[in-house]
């Protein structure tokens, strides 16, 4: 099992032809380095595909996800990155509106 201590979303569009080395270079540029047990997510400009790079402390994993319908939803940010919690990640990879999860969590506590 791969341990994930943090999940990071790179908000700028990425060329999905990039392999592991090019994506790791993007991680270094955007995040300052690849930390063990951190997941880094990248999307194409149409937001229909995601690539995930995971540094597990020994090596690097690369995974792809493509939606047949719909799009992954997030806004591009000037910082170029957003940190997600595991609940937001689960919603994101299903193509659900993960940004609204904090609203639902706050409503449950009322």
PDB file of N, CA and C in Angstrom:
ATOM      1  N   UNK A   1       0.840  -1.184   0.000  1.00  0.00           N
ATOM      2  CA  UNK A   1       0.000   0.000   0.000  1.00  0.00           C
ATOM      3  C   UNK A   1       0.883   1.245   0.000  1.00  0.00           C
ATOM      4  N   UNK A   2       0.469   2.246  -0.723  1.00  0.00           N
ATOM      5  CA  UNK A   2       1.214   3.499  -0.793  1.00  0.00           C
ATOM      6  C   UNK A   2       0.674   4.448   0.271  1.00  0.00           C
ATOM      7  N   UNK A   3       1.545   4.953   1.120  1.00  0.00           N
ATOM      8  CA  UNK A   3       1.153   5.900   2.158  1.00  0.00           C
ATOM      9  C   UNK A   3       1.129   7.308   1.568  1.00  0.00           C
ATOM     10  N   UNK A   4       0.075   8.038   1.843  1.00  0.00           N
ATOM     11  CA  UNK A   4      -0.072   9.409   1.334  1.00  0.00           C
ATOM     12  C   UNK A   4      -0.295  10.352   2.509  1.00  0.00           C
ATOM     13  N   UNK A   5       0.724  11.138   2.836  1.00  0.00           N
ATOM     14  CA  UNK A   5       0.620  12.098   3.930  1.00  0.00           C
ATOM     15  C   UNK A   5       0.043  13.432   3.475  1.00  0.00           C
ATOM     16  N   UNK A   6       0.198  13.756   2.196  1.00  0.00           N
ATOM     17  CA  UNK A   6      -0.323  15.020   1.664  1.00  0.00           C
ATOM     18  C   UNK A   6      -0.645  14.840   0.187  1.00  0.00           C
ATOM     19  N   UNK A   7      -1.671  15.549  -0.250  1.00  0.00           N
ATOM     20  CA  UNK A   7      -2.099  15.493  -1.651  1.00  0.00           C
ATOM     21  C   UNK A   7      -2.081  16.912  -2.188  1.00  0.00           C
ATOM     22  N   UNK A   8      -1.337  17.100  -3.261  1.00  0.00           N
ATOM     23  CA  UNK A   8      -1.179  18.420  -3.857  1.00  0.00           C
ATOM     24  C   UNK A   8      -1.694  18.416  -5.286  1.00  0.00           C
ATOM     25  N   UNK A   9      -2.420  19.449  -5.629  1.00  0.00           N
ATOM     26  CA  UNK A   9      -2.964  19.626  -6.962  1.00  0.00           C
ATOM     27  C   UNK A   9      -2.214  20.756  -7.645  1.00  0.00           C
ATOM     28  N   UNK A  10      -1.575  20.471  -8.761  1.00  0.00           N
ATOM     29  CA  UNK A  10      -0.930  21.492  -9.575  1.00  0.00           C
ATOM     30  C   UNK A  10      -2.026  22.097 -10.454  1.00  0.00           C
ATOM     31  N   UNK A  11      -2.338  23.355 -10.258  1.00  0.00           N
ATOM     32  CA  UNK A  11      -3.510  23.950 -10.897  1.00  0.00           C
ATOM     33  C   UNK A  11      -3.273  24.414 -12.330  1.00  0.00           C
ATOM     34  N   UNK A  12      -2.029  24.445 -12.761  1.00  0.00           N
ATOM     35  CA  UNK A  12      -1.751  24.855 -14.133  1.00  0.00           C
ATOM     36  C   UNK A  12      -1.854  23.643 -15.063  1.00  0.00           C
ATOM     37  N   UNK A  13      -2.317  23.863 -16.289  1.00  0.00           N
ATOM     38  CA  UNK A  13      -2.446  22.773 -17.258  1.00  0.00           C
ATOM     39  C   UNK A  13      -1.077  22.163 -17.556  1.00  0.00           C
ATOM     40  N   UNK A  14      -1.066  20.840 -17.720  1.00  0.00           N
ATOM     41  CA  UNK A  14       0.166  20.095 -17.973  1.00  0.00           C
ATOM     42  C   UNK A  14      -0.009  19.236 -19.218  1.00  0.00           C
ATOM     43  N   UNK A  15       1.033  19.130 -19.992  1.00  0.00           N
ATOM     44  CA  UNK A  15       1.027  18.277 -21.173  1.00  0.00           C
ATOM     45  C   UNK A  15       0.990  16.820 -20.711  1.00  0.00           C
ATOM     46  N   UNK A  16      -0.052  16.092 -21.053  1.00  0.00           N
ATOM     47  CA  UNK A  16      -0.221  14.716 -20.595  1.00  0.00           C
ATOM     48  C   UNK A  16       0.724  13.736 -21.291  1.00  0.00           C
ATOM     49  N   UNK A  17       1.486  14.210 -22.269  1.00  0.00           N
ATOM     50  CA  UNK A  17       2.510  13.360 -22.870  1.00  0.00           C
ATOM     51  C   UNK A  17       3.742  13.272 -21.973  1.00  0.00           C
ATOM     52  N   UNK A  18       3.791  14.143 -20.957  1.00  0.00           N
ATOM     53  CA  UNK A  18       4.926  14.137 -20.034  1.00  0.00           C
ATOM     54  C   UNK A  18       5.004  12.807 -19.304  1.00  0.00           C
ATOM     55  N   UNK A  19       6.224  12.342 -19.150  1.00  0.00           N
ATOM     56  CA  UNK A  19       6.470  11.142 -18.370  1.00  0.00           C
ATOM     57  C   UNK A  19       6.852  11.509 -16.947  1.00  0.00           C
ATOM     58  N   UNK A  20       7.314  10.512 -16.231  1.00  0.00           N
ATOM     59  CA  UNK A  20       7.644  10.685 -14.828  1.00  0.00           C
ATOM     60  C   UNK A  20       8.717  11.743 -14.600  1.00  0.00           C
ATOM     61  N   UNK A  21       9.766  11.749 -15.400  1.00  0.00           N
ATOM     62  CA  UNK A  21      10.859  12.701 -15.201  1.00  0.00           C
ATOM     63  C   UNK A  21      10.419  14.140 -15.430  1.00  0.00           C
ATOM     64  N   UNK A  22       9.637  14.370 -16.477  1.00  0.00           N
ATOM     65  CA  UNK A  22       9.155  15.728 -16.751  1.00  0.00           C
ATOM     66  C   UNK A  22       8.183  16.198 -15.665  1.00  0.00           C
ATOM     67  N   UNK A  23       7.346  15.294 -15.171  1.00  0.00           N
ATOM     68  CA  UNK A  23       6.425  15.665 -14.099  1.00  0.00           C
ATOM     69  C   UNK A  23       7.169  15.928 -12.794  1.00  0.00           C
ATOM     70  N   UNK A  24       8.201  15.143 -12.514  1.00  0.00           N
ATOM     71  CA  UNK A  24       9.017  15.418 -11.325  1.00  0.00           C
ATOM     72  C   UNK A  24       9.702  16.779 -11.424  1.00  0.00           C
ATOM     73  N   UNK A  25      10.139  17.151 -12.618  1.00  0.00           N
ATOM     74  CA  UNK A  25      10.722  18.481 -12.826  1.00  0.00           C
ATOM     75  C   UNK A  25       9.675  19.560 -12.527  1.00  0.00           C
ATOM     76  N   UNK A  26       8.420  19.311 -12.923  1.00  0.00           N
ATOM     77  CA  UNK A  26       7.336  20.252 -12.639  1.00  0.00           C
ATOM     78  C   UNK A  26       7.059  20.316 -11.133  1.00  0.00           C
ATOM     79  N   UNK A  27       7.138  19.183 -10.447  1.00  0.00           N
ATOM     80  CA  UNK A  27       6.972  19.155  -8.986  1.00  0.00           C
ATOM     81  C   UNK A  27       8.038  20.028  -8.331  1.00  0.00           C
ATOM     82  N   UNK A  28       9.277  19.875  -8.769  1.00  0.00           N
ATOM     83  CA  UNK A  28      10.371  20.667  -8.201  1.00  0.00           C
ATOM     84  C   UNK A  28      10.151  22.149  -8.469  1.00  0.00           C
ATOM     85  N   UNK A  29       9.714  22.492  -9.668  1.00  0.00           N
ATOM     86  CA  UNK A  29       9.469  23.897 -10.024  1.00  0.00           C
ATOM     87  C   UNK A  29       8.316  24.487  -9.211  1.00  0.00           C
ATOM     88  N   UNK A  30       7.232  23.733  -9.071  1.00  0.00           N
ATOM     89  CA  UNK A  30       6.027  24.251  -8.414  1.00  0.00           C
ATOM     90  C   UNK A  30       6.080  24.138  -6.894  1.00  0.00           C
ATOM     91  N   UNK A  31       6.647  23.031  -6.386  1.00  0.00           N
ATOM     92  CA  UNK A  31       6.580  22.745  -4.954  1.00  0.00           C
ATOM     93  C   UNK A  31       7.938  22.808  -4.254  1.00  0.00           C
ATOM     94  N   UNK A  32       9.004  22.988  -5.010  1.00  0.00           N
ATOM     95  CA  UNK A  32      10.321  23.069  -4.416  1.00  0.00           C
ATOM     96  C   UNK A  32      10.999  21.725  -4.205  1.00  0.00           C
ATOM     97  N   UNK A  33      10.344  20.643  -4.533  1.00  0.00           N
ATOM     98  CA  UNK A  33      10.918  19.307  -4.391  1.00  0.00           C
ATOM     99  C   UNK A  33       9.818  18.274  -4.195  1.00  0.00           C
ATOM    100  N   UNK A  34      10.179  17.023  -4.404  1.00  0.00           N
ATOM    101  CA  UNK A  34       9.232  15.917  -4.206  1.00  0.00           C
ATOM    102  C   UNK A  34       9.471  15.323  -2.828  1.00  0.00           C
ATOM    103  N   UNK A  35       8.496  15.441  -1.952  1.00  0.00           N
ATOM    104  CA  UNK A  35       8.632  14.919  -0.595  1.00  0.00           C
ATOM    105  C   UNK A  35       8.098  13.489  -0.538  1.00  0.00           C
ATOM    106  N   UNK A  36       8.749  12.637   0.241  1.00  0.00           N
ATOM    107  CA  UNK A  36       8.247  11.270   0.383  1.00  0.00           C
ATOM    108  C   UNK A  36       6.821  11.242   0.923  1.00  0.00           C
ATOM    109  N   UNK A  37       6.028  10.345   0.375  1.00  0.00           N
ATOM    110  CA  UNK A  37       4.647  10.109   0.792  1.00  0.00           C
ATOM    111  C   UNK A  37       3.722  11.283   0.475  1.00  0.00           C
ATOM    112  N   UNK A  38       4.096  12.066  -0.526  1.00  0.00           N
ATOM    113  CA  UNK A  38       3.235  13.136  -1.017  1.00  0.00           C
ATOM    114  C   UNK A  38       2.774  12.764  -2.424  1.00  0.00           C
ATOM    115  N   UNK A  39       1.516  13.096  -2.727  1.00  0.00           N
ATOM    116  CA  UNK A  39       0.928  12.859  -4.047  1.00  0.00           C
ATOM    117  C   UNK A  39       0.839  14.201  -4.759  1.00  0.00           C
ATOM    118  N   UNK A  40       1.254  14.227  -6.016  1.00  0.00           N
ATOM    119  CA  UNK A  40       1.191  15.433  -6.831  1.00  0.00           C
ATOM    120  C   UNK A  40       0.319  15.138  -8.042  1.00  0.00           C
ATOM    121  N   UNK A  41      -0.747  15.927  -8.223  1.00  0.00           N
ATOM    122  CA  UNK A  41      -1.713  15.720  -9.297  1.00  0.00           C
ATOM    123  C   UNK A  41      -1.554  16.772 -10.379  1.00  0.00           C
ATOM    124  N   UNK A  42      -1.678  16.329 -11.633  1.00  0.00           N
ATOM    125  CA  UNK A  42      -1.577  17.207 -12.796  1.00  0.00           C
ATOM    126  C   UNK A  42      -2.732  16.912 -13.733  1.00  0.00           C
ATOM    127  N   UNK A  43      -3.206  17.943 -14.438  1.00  0.00           N
ATOM    128  CA  UNK A  43      -4.305  17.764 -15.380  1.00  0.00           C
ATOM    129  C   UNK A  43      -3.964  18.391 -16.726  1.00  0.00           C
ATOM    130  N   UNK A  44      -4.635  17.889 -17.767  1.00  0.00           N
ATOM    131  CA  UNK A  44      -4.485  18.501 -19.084  1.00  0.00           C
ATOM    132  C   UNK A  44      -5.323  19.782 -19.150  1.00  0.00           C
ATOM    133  N   UNK A  45      -5.200  20.524 -20.228  1.00  0.00           N
ATOM    134  CA  UNK A  45      -5.907  21.809 -20.341  1.00  0.00           C
ATOM    135  C   UNK A  45      -7.421  21.650 -20.416  1.00  0.00           C
ATOM    136  N   UNK A  46      -7.900  20.501 -20.880  1.00  0.00           N
ATOM    137  CA  UNK A  46      -9.348  20.251 -20.957  1.00  0.00           C
ATOM    138  C   UNK A  46      -9.911  19.696 -19.650  1.00  0.00           C
ATOM    139  N   UNK A  47      -9.042  19.397 -18.694  1.00  0.00           N
ATOM    140  CA  UNK A  47      -9.429  18.811 -17.397  1.00  0.00           C
ATOM    141  C   UNK A  47     -10.175  17.490 -17.536  1.00  0.00           C
ATOM    142  N   UNK A  48      -9.804  16.692 -18.530  1.00  0.00           N
ATOM    143  CA  UNK A  48     -10.415  15.382 -18.703  1.00  0.00           C
ATOM    144  C   UNK A  48      -9.486  14.254 -18.265  1.00  0.00           C
ATOM    145  N   UNK A  49      -8.227  14.588 -18.009  1.00  0.00           N
ATOM    146  CA  UNK A  49      -7.240  13.587 -17.600  1.00  0.00           C
ATOM    147  C   UNK A  49      -6.438  14.104 -16.411  1.00  0.00           C
ATOM    148  N   UNK A  50      -6.043  13.171 -15.560  1.00  0.00           N
ATOM    149  CA  UNK A  50      -5.183  13.489 -14.422  1.00  0.00           C
ATOM    150  C   UNK A  50      -4.040  12.488 -14.400  1.00  0.00           C
ATOM    151  N   UNK A  51      -2.857  12.991 -14.070  1.00  0.00           N
ATOM    152  CA  UNK A  51      -1.719  12.128 -13.765  1.00  0.00           C
ATOM    153  C   UNK A  51      -1.329  12.405 -12.332  1.00  0.00           C
ATOM    154  N   UNK A  52      -1.019  11.335 -11.611  1.00  0.00           N
ATOM    155  CA  UNK A  52      -0.589  11.445 -10.219  1.00  0.00           C
ATOM    156  C   UNK A  52       0.820  10.895 -10.097  1.00  0.00           C
ATOM    157  N   UNK A  53       1.684  11.661  -9.463  1.00  0.00           N
ATOM    158  CA  UNK A  53       3.051  11.243  -9.170  1.00  0.00           C
ATOM    159  C   UNK A  53       3.149  11.108  -7.655  1.00  0.00           C
ATOM    160  N   UNK A  54       3.636   9.942  -7.205  1.00  0.00           N
ATOM    161  CA  UNK A  54       3.771   9.690  -5.770  1.00  0.00           C
ATOM    162  C   UNK A  54       5.199   9.262  -5.484  1.00  0.00           C
ATOM    163  N   UNK A  55       5.840   9.976  -4.586  1.00  0.00           N
ATOM    164  CA  UNK A  55       7.170   9.583  -4.115  1.00  0.00           C
ATOM    165  C   UNK A  55       6.925   8.758  -2.855  1.00  0.00           C
ATOM    166  N   UNK A  56       7.292   7.462  -2.876  1.00  0.00           N
ATOM    167  CA  UNK A  56       7.008   6.598  -1.725  1.00  0.00           C
ATOM    168  C   UNK A  56       8.188   6.436  -0.772  1.00  0.00           C
ATOM    169  N   UNK A  57       9.237   7.223  -0.962  1.00  0.00           N
ATOM    170  CA  UNK A  57      10.415   7.134  -0.115  1.00  0.00           C
ATOM    171  C   UNK A  57      11.508   6.271  -0.730  1.00  0.00           C
ATOM    172  N   UNK A  58      11.141   5.390  -1.659  1.00  0.00           N
ATOM    173  CA  UNK A  58      12.104   4.513  -2.325  1.00  0.00           C
ATOM    174  C   UNK A  58      12.175   4.773  -3.825  1.00  0.00           C
ATOM    175  N   UNK A  59      11.060   5.142  -4.386  1.00  0.00           N
ATOM    176  CA  UNK A  59      10.955   5.367  -5.822  1.00  0.00           C
ATOM    177  C   UNK A  59       9.734   6.224  -6.107  1.00  0.00           C
ATOM    178  N   UNK A  60       9.345   6.249  -7.357  1.00  0.00           N
ATOM    179  CA  UNK A  60       8.243   7.105  -7.775  1.00  0.00           C
ATOM    180  C   UNK A  60       7.203   6.272  -8.513  1.00  0.00           C
ATOM    181  N   UNK A  61       5.944   6.516  -8.200  1.00  0.00           N
ATOM    182  CA  UNK A  61       4.805   5.892  -8.873  1.00  0.00           C
ATOM    183  C   UNK A  61       4.162   6.926  -9.788  1.00  0.00           C
ATOM    184  N   UNK A  62       3.645   6.479 -10.925  1.00  0.00           N
ATOM    185  CA  UNK A  62       2.913   7.343 -11.845  1.00  0.00           C
ATOM    186  C   UNK A  62       1.604   6.659 -12.197  1.00  0.00           C
ATOM    187  N   UNK A  63       0.499   7.367 -12.010  1.00  0.00           N
ATOM    188  CA  UNK A  63      -0.822   6.814 -12.317  1.00  0.00           C
ATOM    189  C   UNK A  63      -1.581   7.796 -13.199  1.00  0.00           C
ATOM    190  N   UNK A  64      -2.485   7.270 -14.028  1.00  0.00           N
ATOM    191  CA  UNK A  64      -3.311   8.080 -14.928  1.00  0.00           C
ATOM    192  C   UNK A  64      -4.779   7.842 -14.622  1.00  0.00           C
ATOM    193  N   UNK A  65      -5.596   8.858 -14.842  1.00  0.00           N
ATOM    194  CA  UNK A  65      -7.047   8.732 -14.715  1.00  0.00           C
ATOM    195  C   UNK A  65      -7.669   9.557 -15.825  1.00  0.00           C
ATOM    196  N   UNK A  66      -8.644   8.980 -16.527  1.00  0.00           N
ATOM    197  CA  UNK A  66      -9.345   9.701 -17.592  1.00  0.00           C
ATOM    198  C   UNK A  66     -10.842   9.552 -17.370  1.00  0.00           C
ATOM    199  N   UNK A  67     -11.548  10.672 -17.480  1.00  0.00           N
ATOM    200  CA  UNK A  67     -13.005  10.631 -17.407  1.00  0.00           C
ATOM    201  C   UNK A  67     -13.558  10.461 -18.816  1.00  0.00           C
ATOM    202  N   UNK A  68     -14.481   9.548 -18.993  1.00  0.00           N
ATOM    203  CA  UNK A  68     -15.127   9.364 -20.292  1.00  0.00           C
ATOM    204  C   UNK A  68     -16.184  10.435 -20.528  1.00  0.00           C
ATOM    205  N   UNK A  69     -16.747  10.951 -19.443  1.00  0.00           N
ATOM    206  CA  UNK A  69     -17.731  12.036 -19.527  1.00  0.00           C
ATOM    207  C   UNK A  69     -17.409  13.052 -18.448  1.00  0.00           C
ATOM    208  N   UNK A  70     -17.696  14.303 -18.727  1.00  0.00           N
ATOM    209  CA  UNK A  70     -17.470  15.349 -17.738  1.00  0.00           C
ATOM    210  C   UNK A  70     -16.014  15.771 -17.652  1.00  0.00           C
ATOM    211  N   UNK A  71     -15.725  16.550 -16.609  1.00  0.00           N
ATOM    212  CA  UNK A  71     -14.390  17.108 -16.420  1.00  0.00           C
ATOM    213  C   UNK A  71     -14.043  17.108 -14.944  1.00  0.00           C
ATOM    214  N   UNK A  72     -12.740  17.110 -14.677  1.00  0.00           N
ATOM    215  CA  UNK A  72     -12.265  17.371 -13.327  1.00  0.00           C
ATOM    216  C   UNK A  72     -12.395  18.872 -13.122  1.00  0.00           C
ATOM    217  N   UNK A  73     -12.845  19.282 -11.944  1.00  0.00           N
ATOM    218  CA  UNK A  73     -13.165  20.690 -11.741  1.00  0.00           C
ATOM    219  C   UNK A  73     -12.263  21.319 -10.676  1.00  0.00           C
ATOM    220  N   UNK A  74     -11.566  22.385 -11.074  1.00  0.00           N
ATOM    221  CA  UNK A  74     -10.873  23.264 -10.155  1.00  0.00           C
ATOM    222  C   UNK A  74     -10.479  24.510 -10.902  1.00  0.00           C
ATOM    223  N   UNK A  75     -10.171  25.538 -10.144  1.00  0.00           N
ATOM    224  CA  UNK A  75      -9.768  26.794 -10.751  1.00  0.00           C
ATOM    225  C   UNK A  75      -8.251  26.884 -10.795  1.00  0.00           C
ATOM    226  N   UNK A  76      -7.760  27.504 -11.824  1.00  0.00           N
ATOM    227  CA  UNK A  76      -6.325  27.774 -11.919  1.00  0.00           C
ATOM    228  C   UNK A  76      -6.000  28.855 -10.893  1.00  0.00           C
ATOM    229  N   UNK A  77      -4.903  28.720 -10.180  1.00  0.00           N
ATOM    230  CA  UNK A  77      -4.516  29.709  -9.177  1.00  0.00           C
ATOM    231  C   UNK A  77      -3.165  30.304  -9.529  1.00  0.00           C
ATOM    232  N   UNK A  78      -2.919  31.500  -9.031  1.00  0.00           N
ATOM    233  CA  UNK A  78      -1.642  32.152  -9.307  1.00  0.00           C
ATOM    234  C   UNK A  78      -0.489  31.429  -8.600  1.00  0.00           C
ATOM    235  N   UNK A  79      -0.765  30.803  -7.441  1.00  0.00           N
ATOM    236  CA  UNK A  79       0.271  30.057  -6.729  1.00  0.00           C
ATOM    237  C   UNK A  79       0.622  28.769  -7.467  1.00  0.00           C
ATOM    238  N   UNK A  80      -0.329  28.262  -8.261  1.00  0.00           N
ATOM    239  CA  UNK A  80      -0.094  27.053  -9.036  1.00  0.00           C
ATOM    240  C   UNK A  80      -0.307  25.762  -8.282  1.00  0.00           C
ATOM    241  N   UNK A  81      -0.829  25.854  -7.039  1.00  0.00           N
ATOM    242  CA  UNK A  81      -1.016  24.634  -6.262  1.00  0.00           C
ATOM    243  C   UNK A  81      -2.114  24.793  -5.218  1.00  0.00           C
ATOM    244  N   UNK A  82      -2.721  23.663  -4.893  1.00  0.00           N
ATOM    245  CA  UNK A  82      -3.751  23.591  -3.856  1.00  0.00           C
ATOM    246  C   UNK A  82      -3.517  22.289  -3.100  1.00  0.00           C
ATOM    247  N   UNK A  83      -3.632  22.338  -1.773  1.00  0.00           N
ATOM    248  CA  UNK A  83      -3.526  21.098  -1.005  1.00  0.00           C
ATOM    249  C   UNK A  83      -4.933  20.554  -0.763  1.00  0.00           C
ATOM    250  N   UNK A  84      -5.097  19.253  -0.960  1.00  0.00           N
ATOM    251  CA  UNK A  84      -6.384  18.586  -0.778  1.00  0.00           C
ATOM    252  C   UNK A  84      -6.316  17.635   0.402  1.00  0.00           C
ATOM    253  N   UNK A  85      -7.475  17.407   1.037  1.00  0.00           N
ATOM    254  CA  UNK A  85      -7.545  16.331   2.017  1.00  0.00           C
ATOM    255  C   UNK A  85      -8.032  15.074   1.300  1.00  0.00           C
ATOM    256  N   UNK A  86      -8.047  13.958   1.977  1.00  0.00           N
ATOM    257  CA  UNK A  86      -8.392  12.694   1.311  1.00  0.00           C
ATOM    258  C   UNK A  86      -9.835  12.668   0.825  1.00  0.00           C
ATOM    259  N   UNK A  87     -10.740  13.310   1.547  1.00  0.00           N
ATOM    260  CA  UNK A  87     -12.139  13.375   1.116  1.00  0.00           C
ATOM    261  C   UNK A  87     -12.273  14.182  -0.186  1.00  0.00           C
ATOM    262  N   UNK A  88     -11.568  15.295  -0.270  1.00  0.00           N
ATOM    263  CA  UNK A  88     -11.585  16.108  -1.483  1.00  0.00           C
ATOM    264  C   UNK A  88     -10.962  15.345  -2.657  1.00  0.00           C
ATOM    265  N   UNK A  89      -9.872  14.626  -2.404  1.00  0.00           N
ATOM    266  CA  UNK A  89      -9.230  13.823  -3.439  1.00  0.00           C
ATOM    267  C   UNK A  89     -10.183  12.758  -3.976  1.00  0.00           C
ATOM    268  N   UNK A  90     -10.859  12.054  -3.080  1.00  0.00           N
ATOM    269  CA  UNK A  90     -11.808  11.022  -3.499  1.00  0.00           C
ATOM    270  C   UNK A  90     -12.894  11.598  -4.406  1.00  0.00           C
ATOM    271  N   UNK A  91     -13.416  12.770  -4.043  1.00  0.00           N
ATOM    272  CA  UNK A  91     -14.444  13.419  -4.856  1.00  0.00           C
ATOM    273  C   UNK A  91     -13.865  13.893  -6.192  1.00  0.00           C
ATOM    274  N   UNK A  92     -12.669  14.474  -6.157  1.00  0.00           N
ATOM    275  CA  UNK A  92     -12.030  14.985  -7.372  1.00  0.00           C
ATOM    276  C   UNK A  92     -11.859  13.889  -8.413  1.00  0.00           C
ATOM    277  N   UNK A  93     -11.318  12.742  -8.021  1.00  0.00           N
ATOM    278  CA  UNK A  93     -11.032  11.711  -9.022  1.00  0.00           C
ATOM    279  C   UNK A  93     -12.301  11.069  -9.579  1.00  0.00           C
ATOM    280  N   UNK A  94     -13.432  11.286  -8.911  1.00  0.00           N
ATOM    281  CA  UNK A  94     -14.714  10.830  -9.446  1.00  0.00           C
ATOM    282  C   UNK A  94     -15.372  11.893 -10.313  1.00  0.00           C
ATOM    283  N   UNK A  95     -14.775  13.085 -10.349  1.00  0.00           N
ATOM    284  CA  UNK A  95     -15.341  14.180 -11.139  1.00  0.00           C
ATOM    285  C   UNK A  95     -16.431  14.931 -10.403  1.00  0.00           C
ATOM    286  N   UNK A  96     -16.469  14.808  -9.081  1.00  0.00           N
ATOM    287  CA  UNK A  96     -17.483  15.484  -8.268  1.00  0.00           C
ATOM    288  C   UNK A  96     -16.982  16.861  -7.831  1.00  0.00           C
ATOM    289  N   UNK A  97     -17.890  17.757  -7.432  1.00  0.00           N
ATOM    290  CA  UNK A  97     -17.504  19.121  -7.014  1.00  0.00           C
ATOM    291  C   UNK A  97     -16.861  19.110  -5.624  1.00  0.00           C
ATOM    292  N   UNK A  98     -15.590  18.769  -5.553  1.00  0.00           N
ATOM    293  CA  UNK A  98     -14.877  18.599  -4.290  1.00  0.00           C
ATOM    294  C   UNK A  98     -14.742  19.895  -3.497  1.00  0.00           C
ATOM    295  N   UNK A  99     -14.783  21.056  -4.167  1.00  0.00           N
ATOM    296  CA  UNK A  99     -14.641  22.341  -3.471  1.00  0.00           C
ATOM    297  C   UNK A  99     -15.795  22.583  -2.506  1.00  0.00           C
ATOM    298  N   UNK A 100     -16.940  21.950  -2.763  1.00  0.00           N
ATOM    299  CA  UNK A 100     -18.122  22.154  -1.926  1.00  0.00           C
ATOM    300  C   UNK A 100     -18.129  21.262  -0.696  1.00  0.00           C
ATOM    301  N   UNK A 101     -17.194  20.335  -0.586  1.00  0.00           N
ATOM    302  CA  UNK A 101     -17.174  19.430   0.558  1.00  0.00           C
ATOM    303  C   UNK A 101     -17.021  20.174   1.871  1.00  0.00           C
ATOM    304  N   UNK A 102     -16.228  21.249   1.896  1.00  0.00           N
ATOM    305  CA  UNK A 102     -16.074  22.007   3.138  1.00  0.00           C
ATOM    306  C   UNK A 102     -17.392  22.662   3.535  1.00  0.00           C
ATOM    307  N   UNK A 103     -18.208  23.056   2.550  1.00  0.00           N
ATOM    308  CA  UNK A 103     -19.522  23.617   2.852  1.00  0.00           C
ATOM    309  C   UNK A 103     -20.414  22.564   3.498  1.00  0.00           C
ATOM    310  N   UNK A 104     -20.390  21.346   2.943  1.00  0.00           N
ATOM    311  CA  UNK A 104     -21.203  20.262   3.495  1.00  0.00           C
ATOM    312  C   UNK A 104     -20.723  19.883   4.890  1.00  0.00           C
ATOM    313  N   UNK A 105     -19.414  19.866   5.107  1.00  0.00           N
ATOM    314  CA  UNK A 105     -18.863  19.537   6.433  1.00  0.00           C
ATOM    315  C   UNK A 105     -19.311  20.571   7.449  1.00  0.00           C
ATOM    316  N   UNK A 106     -19.273  21.849   7.062  1.00  0.00           N
ATOM    317  CA  UNK A 106     -19.697  22.911   7.985  1.00  0.00           C
ATOM    318  C   UNK A 106     -21.192  22.802   8.288  1.00  0.00           C
ATOM    319  N   UNK A 107     -21.994  22.422   7.295  1.00  0.00           N
ATOM    320  CA  UNK A 107     -23.429  22.294   7.510  1.00  0.00           C
ATOM    321  C   UNK A 107     -23.723  21.125   8.463  1.00  0.00           C
ATOM    322  N   UNK A 108     -22.948  20.045   8.386  1.00  0.00           N
ATOM    323  CA  UNK A 108     -23.160  18.902   9.271  1.00  0.00           C
ATOM    324  C   UNK A 108     -22.895  19.260  10.718  1.00  0.00           C
ATOM    325  N   UNK A 109     -21.966  20.179  10.960  1.00  0.00           N
ATOM    326  CA  UNK A 109     -21.611  20.537  12.339  1.00  0.00           C
ATOM    327  C   UNK A 109     -22.578  21.536  12.952  1.00  0.00           C
ATOM    328  N   UNK A 110     -23.491  22.078  12.172  1.00  0.00           N
ATOM    329  CA  UNK A 110     -24.449  23.073  12.701  1.00  0.00           C
ATOM    330  C   UNK A 110     -25.584  22.377  13.398  1.00  0.00           C
TER     331      UNK A 110
END
